[in-house]
Amino acid sequence: MRFTIFIATVFAMALFVGCSHVETPNADAAPVNSLCPIMGHEIAADGGSTTWNGQTVGFCCEGCLPKWIALSEEEKAAKISTANQPSHDHSEHKS
């Protein structure tokens, strides 16, 4: 019986330790951009964010994150480099 409890405890601890390896964005880190790299709108608190190259990238809406993920590394770098330049083409934005 003690052995079973010991094994169950070790198994439960392993599950919790395994969860600590999941990468999550740093909620306290300020985004490096003020405008969404996908749509060009101002980023929003409820728009979501992600970590890319050690930096927090913010978005204007939840729909932009999947579009960001689909970009190549080169496309992401280009988007970030122009993320703070206003864009007038908002045709893709669907709020």
N, C-alpha and C. Protein backbone atom coordinates (compact mmCIF):
# COMPACT_ATOMS: atom_id res chain seq x y z
N MET A 1 0.82 -1.19 0.00
CA MET A 1 0.00 0.00 0.00
C MET A 1 0.87 1.26 0.00
N ARG A 2 1.92 1.28 0.83
CA ARG A 2 2.81 2.44 0.87
C ARG A 2 3.50 2.64 -0.47
N PHE A 3 3.88 1.55 -1.08
CA PHE A 3 4.54 1.63 -2.38
C PHE A 3 3.61 2.25 -3.42
N THR A 4 2.34 1.88 -3.41
CA THR A 4 1.35 2.43 -4.34
C THR A 4 1.18 3.93 -4.12
N ILE A 5 1.12 4.34 -2.87
CA ILE A 5 0.99 5.78 -2.56
C ILE A 5 2.25 6.51 -3.01
N PHE A 6 3.40 5.91 -2.77
CA PHE A 6 4.66 6.51 -3.19
C PHE A 6 4.69 6.70 -4.71
N ILE A 7 4.33 5.67 -5.45
CA ILE A 7 4.33 5.74 -6.91
C ILE A 7 3.33 6.80 -7.39
N ALA A 8 2.16 6.85 -6.81
CA ALA A 8 1.15 7.85 -7.18
C ALA A 8 1.65 9.25 -6.91
N THR A 9 2.33 9.44 -5.79
CA THR A 9 2.88 10.76 -5.45
C THR A 9 3.96 11.18 -6.44
N VAL A 10 4.86 10.26 -6.76
CA VAL A 10 5.93 10.55 -7.72
C VAL A 10 5.33 10.88 -9.09
N PHE A 11 4.33 10.13 -9.51
CA PHE A 11 3.68 10.36 -10.78
C PHE A 11 3.03 11.75 -10.81
N ALA A 12 2.32 12.11 -9.74
CA ALA A 12 1.66 13.42 -9.67
C ALA A 12 2.69 14.55 -9.71
N MET A 13 3.80 14.39 -9.02
CA MET A 13 4.85 15.41 -9.03
C MET A 13 5.45 15.55 -10.42
N ALA A 14 5.63 14.45 -11.10
CA ALA A 14 6.18 14.49 -12.46
C ALA A 14 5.26 15.26 -13.40
N LEU A 15 3.96 15.11 -13.22
CA LEU A 15 3.01 15.87 -14.05
C LEU A 15 3.15 17.35 -13.83
N PHE A 16 3.26 17.78 -12.58
CA PHE A 16 3.38 19.21 -12.28
C PHE A 16 4.70 19.78 -12.76
N VAL A 17 5.77 19.04 -12.63
CA VAL A 17 7.07 19.50 -13.10
C VAL A 17 7.06 19.62 -14.62
N GLY A 18 6.42 18.69 -15.30
CA GLY A 18 6.33 18.74 -16.75
C GLY A 18 5.62 19.97 -17.24
N CYS A 19 4.67 20.47 -16.50
CA CYS A 19 3.93 21.66 -16.90
C CYS A 19 4.78 22.92 -16.84
N SER A 20 5.83 22.90 -16.04
CA SER A 20 6.65 24.10 -15.89
C SER A 20 7.48 24.39 -17.13
N HIS A 21 7.56 23.47 -18.07
CA HIS A 21 8.35 23.68 -19.27
C HIS A 21 7.56 24.33 -20.40
N VAL A 22 6.29 24.59 -20.19
CA VAL A 22 5.47 25.22 -21.20
C VAL A 22 5.83 26.69 -21.27
N GLU A 23 6.18 27.17 -22.46
CA GLU A 23 6.56 28.57 -22.62
C GLU A 23 5.31 29.43 -22.69
N THR A 24 5.26 30.43 -21.85
CA THR A 24 4.15 31.37 -21.86
C THR A 24 4.71 32.78 -21.98
N PRO A 25 4.00 33.65 -22.67
CA PRO A 25 4.46 35.03 -22.77
C PRO A 25 4.54 35.68 -21.40
N ASN A 26 5.48 36.57 -21.22
CA ASN A 26 5.62 37.31 -19.99
C ASN A 26 4.57 38.42 -19.96
N ALA A 27 3.57 38.25 -19.11
CA ALA A 27 2.46 39.20 -19.06
C ALA A 27 2.93 40.58 -18.62
N ASP A 28 4.05 40.66 -17.90
CA ASP A 28 4.55 41.94 -17.41
C ASP A 28 5.40 42.67 -18.44
N ALA A 29 5.86 41.98 -19.46
CA ALA A 29 6.73 42.60 -20.46
C ALA A 29 5.89 43.46 -21.40
N ALA A 30 6.36 44.66 -21.62
CA ALA A 30 5.67 45.57 -22.53
C ALA A 30 5.94 45.14 -23.97
N PRO A 31 4.93 45.18 -24.82
CA PRO A 31 5.16 44.83 -26.23
C PRO A 31 6.17 45.78 -26.88
N VAL A 32 6.93 45.27 -27.82
CA VAL A 32 7.92 46.08 -28.53
C VAL A 32 7.26 46.94 -29.60
N ASN A 33 5.98 46.67 -29.86
CA ASN A 33 5.27 47.40 -30.91
C ASN A 33 4.06 48.12 -30.31
N SER A 34 3.69 49.23 -30.93
CA SER A 34 2.47 49.94 -30.52
C SER A 34 1.35 49.71 -31.51
N LEU A 35 1.72 49.30 -32.72
CA LEU A 35 0.74 48.98 -33.75
C LEU A 35 0.83 47.50 -34.08
N CYS A 36 -0.31 46.89 -34.38
CA CYS A 36 -0.37 45.47 -34.70
C CYS A 36 0.46 45.18 -35.95
N PRO A 37 1.35 44.19 -35.90
CA PRO A 37 2.16 43.88 -37.07
C PRO A 37 1.36 43.24 -38.21
N ILE A 38 0.14 42.81 -37.94
CA ILE A 38 -0.68 42.20 -38.97
C ILE A 38 -1.60 43.22 -39.63
N MET A 39 -2.34 43.98 -38.84
CA MET A 39 -3.36 44.89 -39.37
C MET A 39 -2.98 46.36 -39.34
N GLY A 40 -2.03 46.73 -38.49
CA GLY A 40 -1.62 48.12 -38.41
C GLY A 40 -2.43 48.96 -37.43
N HIS A 41 -3.41 48.36 -36.77
CA HIS A 41 -4.19 49.07 -35.75
C HIS A 41 -3.38 49.16 -34.46
N GLU A 42 -3.81 50.04 -33.55
CA GLU A 42 -3.18 50.08 -32.24
C GLU A 42 -3.40 48.75 -31.54
N ILE A 43 -2.37 48.28 -30.83
CA ILE A 43 -2.53 47.02 -30.11
C ILE A 43 -3.52 47.22 -28.96
N ALA A 44 -4.18 46.15 -28.57
CA ALA A 44 -5.19 46.21 -27.52
C ALA A 44 -4.85 45.21 -26.43
N ALA A 45 -5.23 45.54 -25.20
CA ALA A 45 -4.97 44.64 -24.08
C ALA A 45 -5.62 43.28 -24.29
N ASP A 46 -6.79 43.27 -24.91
CA ASP A 46 -7.49 42.00 -25.16
C ASP A 46 -7.19 41.43 -26.54
N GLY A 47 -6.22 42.02 -27.24
CA GLY A 47 -5.86 41.55 -28.57
C GLY A 47 -4.92 40.36 -28.56
N GLY A 48 -4.33 40.11 -27.41
CA GLY A 48 -3.40 38.99 -27.30
C GLY A 48 -1.97 39.42 -27.57
N SER A 49 -1.06 38.54 -27.21
CA SER A 49 0.36 38.79 -27.44
C SER A 49 1.07 37.46 -27.50
N THR A 50 2.31 37.51 -27.95
CA THR A 50 3.14 36.32 -28.00
C THR A 50 4.58 36.74 -27.79
N THR A 51 5.44 35.78 -27.55
CA THR A 51 6.86 36.05 -27.43
C THR A 51 7.54 35.60 -28.72
N TRP A 52 8.32 36.48 -29.29
CA TRP A 52 9.07 36.17 -30.51
C TRP A 52 10.46 36.76 -30.36
N ASN A 53 11.47 35.95 -30.54
CA ASN A 53 12.87 36.36 -30.40
C ASN A 53 13.11 37.05 -29.06
N GLY A 54 12.47 36.56 -28.00
CA GLY A 54 12.67 37.11 -26.67
C GLY A 54 11.94 38.41 -26.39
N GLN A 55 11.10 38.85 -27.32
CA GLN A 55 10.36 40.09 -27.16
C GLN A 55 8.87 39.81 -27.19
N THR A 56 8.11 40.63 -26.47
CA THR A 56 6.66 40.49 -26.50
C THR A 56 6.12 41.28 -27.67
N VAL A 57 5.29 40.62 -28.47
CA VAL A 57 4.64 41.24 -29.63
C VAL A 57 3.15 41.30 -29.34
N GLY A 58 2.57 42.49 -29.42
CA GLY A 58 1.15 42.66 -29.16
C GLY A 58 0.35 42.73 -30.45
N PHE A 59 -0.96 42.44 -30.35
CA PHE A 59 -1.86 42.44 -31.50
C PHE A 59 -3.11 43.26 -31.20
N CYS A 60 -3.84 43.62 -32.24
CA CYS A 60 -5.05 44.43 -32.08
C CYS A 60 -6.27 43.58 -31.76
N CYS A 61 -6.25 42.31 -32.16
CA CYS A 61 -7.39 41.43 -31.91
C CYS A 61 -6.91 39.98 -31.90
N GLU A 62 -7.74 39.11 -31.36
CA GLU A 62 -7.36 37.69 -31.25
C GLU A 62 -7.13 37.03 -32.60
N GLY A 63 -7.74 37.52 -33.65
CA GLY A 63 -7.61 36.93 -34.98
C GLY A 63 -6.23 37.12 -35.60
N CYS A 64 -5.44 38.05 -35.05
CA CYS A 64 -4.13 38.32 -35.64
C CYS A 64 -3.07 37.30 -35.23
N LEU A 65 -3.19 36.71 -34.05
CA LEU A 65 -2.18 35.76 -33.59
C LEU A 65 -2.03 34.56 -34.54
N PRO A 66 -3.13 33.92 -34.99
CA PRO A 66 -2.94 32.80 -35.94
C PRO A 66 -2.28 33.24 -37.25
N LYS A 67 -2.56 34.45 -37.68
CA LYS A 67 -1.92 34.96 -38.91
C LYS A 67 -0.43 35.16 -38.67
N TRP A 68 -0.08 35.64 -37.48
CA TRP A 68 1.33 35.81 -37.11
C TRP A 68 2.05 34.47 -37.10
N ILE A 69 1.44 33.49 -36.50
CA ILE A 69 2.06 32.16 -36.41
C ILE A 69 2.32 31.58 -37.79
N ALA A 70 1.46 31.87 -38.74
CA ALA A 70 1.60 31.33 -40.09
C ALA A 70 2.73 31.98 -40.89
N LEU A 71 3.25 33.11 -40.42
CA LEU A 71 4.31 33.81 -41.14
C LEU A 71 5.65 33.10 -40.97
N SER A 72 6.53 33.26 -41.95
CA SER A 72 7.90 32.76 -41.82
C SER A 72 8.68 33.70 -40.90
N GLU A 73 9.83 33.27 -40.46
CA GLU A 73 10.67 34.12 -39.60
C GLU A 73 11.05 35.41 -40.30
N GLU A 74 11.32 35.35 -41.60
CA GLU A 74 11.68 36.54 -42.36
C GLU A 74 10.49 37.51 -42.44
N GLU A 75 9.30 36.95 -42.65
CA GLU A 75 8.10 37.79 -42.71
C GLU A 75 7.82 38.44 -41.36
N LYS A 76 8.02 37.70 -40.28
CA LYS A 76 7.82 38.26 -38.94
C LYS A 76 8.79 39.41 -38.69
N ALA A 77 10.05 39.22 -39.06
CA ALA A 77 11.06 40.28 -38.88
C ALA A 77 10.67 41.53 -39.66
N ALA A 78 10.18 41.34 -40.88
CA ALA A 78 9.76 42.48 -41.70
C ALA A 78 8.55 43.18 -41.09
N LYS A 79 7.60 42.40 -40.61
CA LYS A 79 6.40 42.97 -39.99
C LYS A 79 6.76 43.78 -38.74
N ILE A 80 7.65 43.25 -37.90
CA ILE A 80 8.04 43.96 -36.68
C ILE A 80 8.79 45.24 -37.03
N SER A 81 9.62 45.20 -38.04
CA SER A 81 10.40 46.39 -38.40
C SER A 81 9.52 47.54 -38.87
N THR A 82 8.33 47.22 -39.37
CA THR A 82 7.42 48.27 -39.82
C THR A 82 6.17 48.39 -38.94
N ALA A 83 6.15 47.70 -37.81
CA ALA A 83 4.96 47.63 -36.96
C ALA A 83 4.56 48.98 -36.37
N ASN A 84 5.46 49.91 -36.24
CA ASN A 84 5.11 51.19 -35.65
C ASN A 84 4.89 52.28 -36.69
N GLN A 85 4.79 51.87 -37.95
CA GLN A 85 4.48 52.81 -39.01
C GLN A 85 3.01 52.63 -39.38
N PRO A 86 2.19 53.69 -39.26
CA PRO A 86 0.76 53.55 -39.55
C PRO A 86 0.49 53.00 -40.94
N SER A 87 -0.45 52.11 -41.01
CA SER A 87 -0.90 51.52 -42.27
C SER A 87 -2.33 51.96 -42.54
N HIS A 88 -2.63 52.23 -43.76
CA HIS A 88 -3.99 52.66 -44.08
C HIS A 88 -4.81 51.55 -44.70
N ASP A 89 -4.20 50.39 -44.93
CA ASP A 89 -4.92 49.26 -45.51
C ASP A 89 -5.40 48.34 -44.39
N HIS A 90 -6.64 48.47 -44.01
CA HIS A 90 -7.22 47.65 -42.96
C HIS A 90 -8.27 46.70 -43.54
N SER A 91 -8.13 46.38 -44.81
CA SER A 91 -9.14 45.58 -45.49
C SER A 91 -9.29 44.18 -44.93
N GLU A 92 -8.23 43.62 -44.33
CA GLU A 92 -8.28 42.27 -43.79
C GLU A 92 -8.92 42.22 -42.41
N HIS A 93 -9.02 43.34 -41.74
CA HIS A 93 -9.47 43.34 -40.34
C HIS A 93 -10.94 43.05 -40.23
N LYS A 94 -11.25 42.06 -39.40
CA LYS A 94 -12.65 41.69 -39.16
C LYS A 94 -12.87 41.65 -37.66
N SER A 95 -13.38 42.72 -37.09
CA SER A 95 -13.61 42.77 -35.64
C SER A 95 -14.92 42.14 -35.28
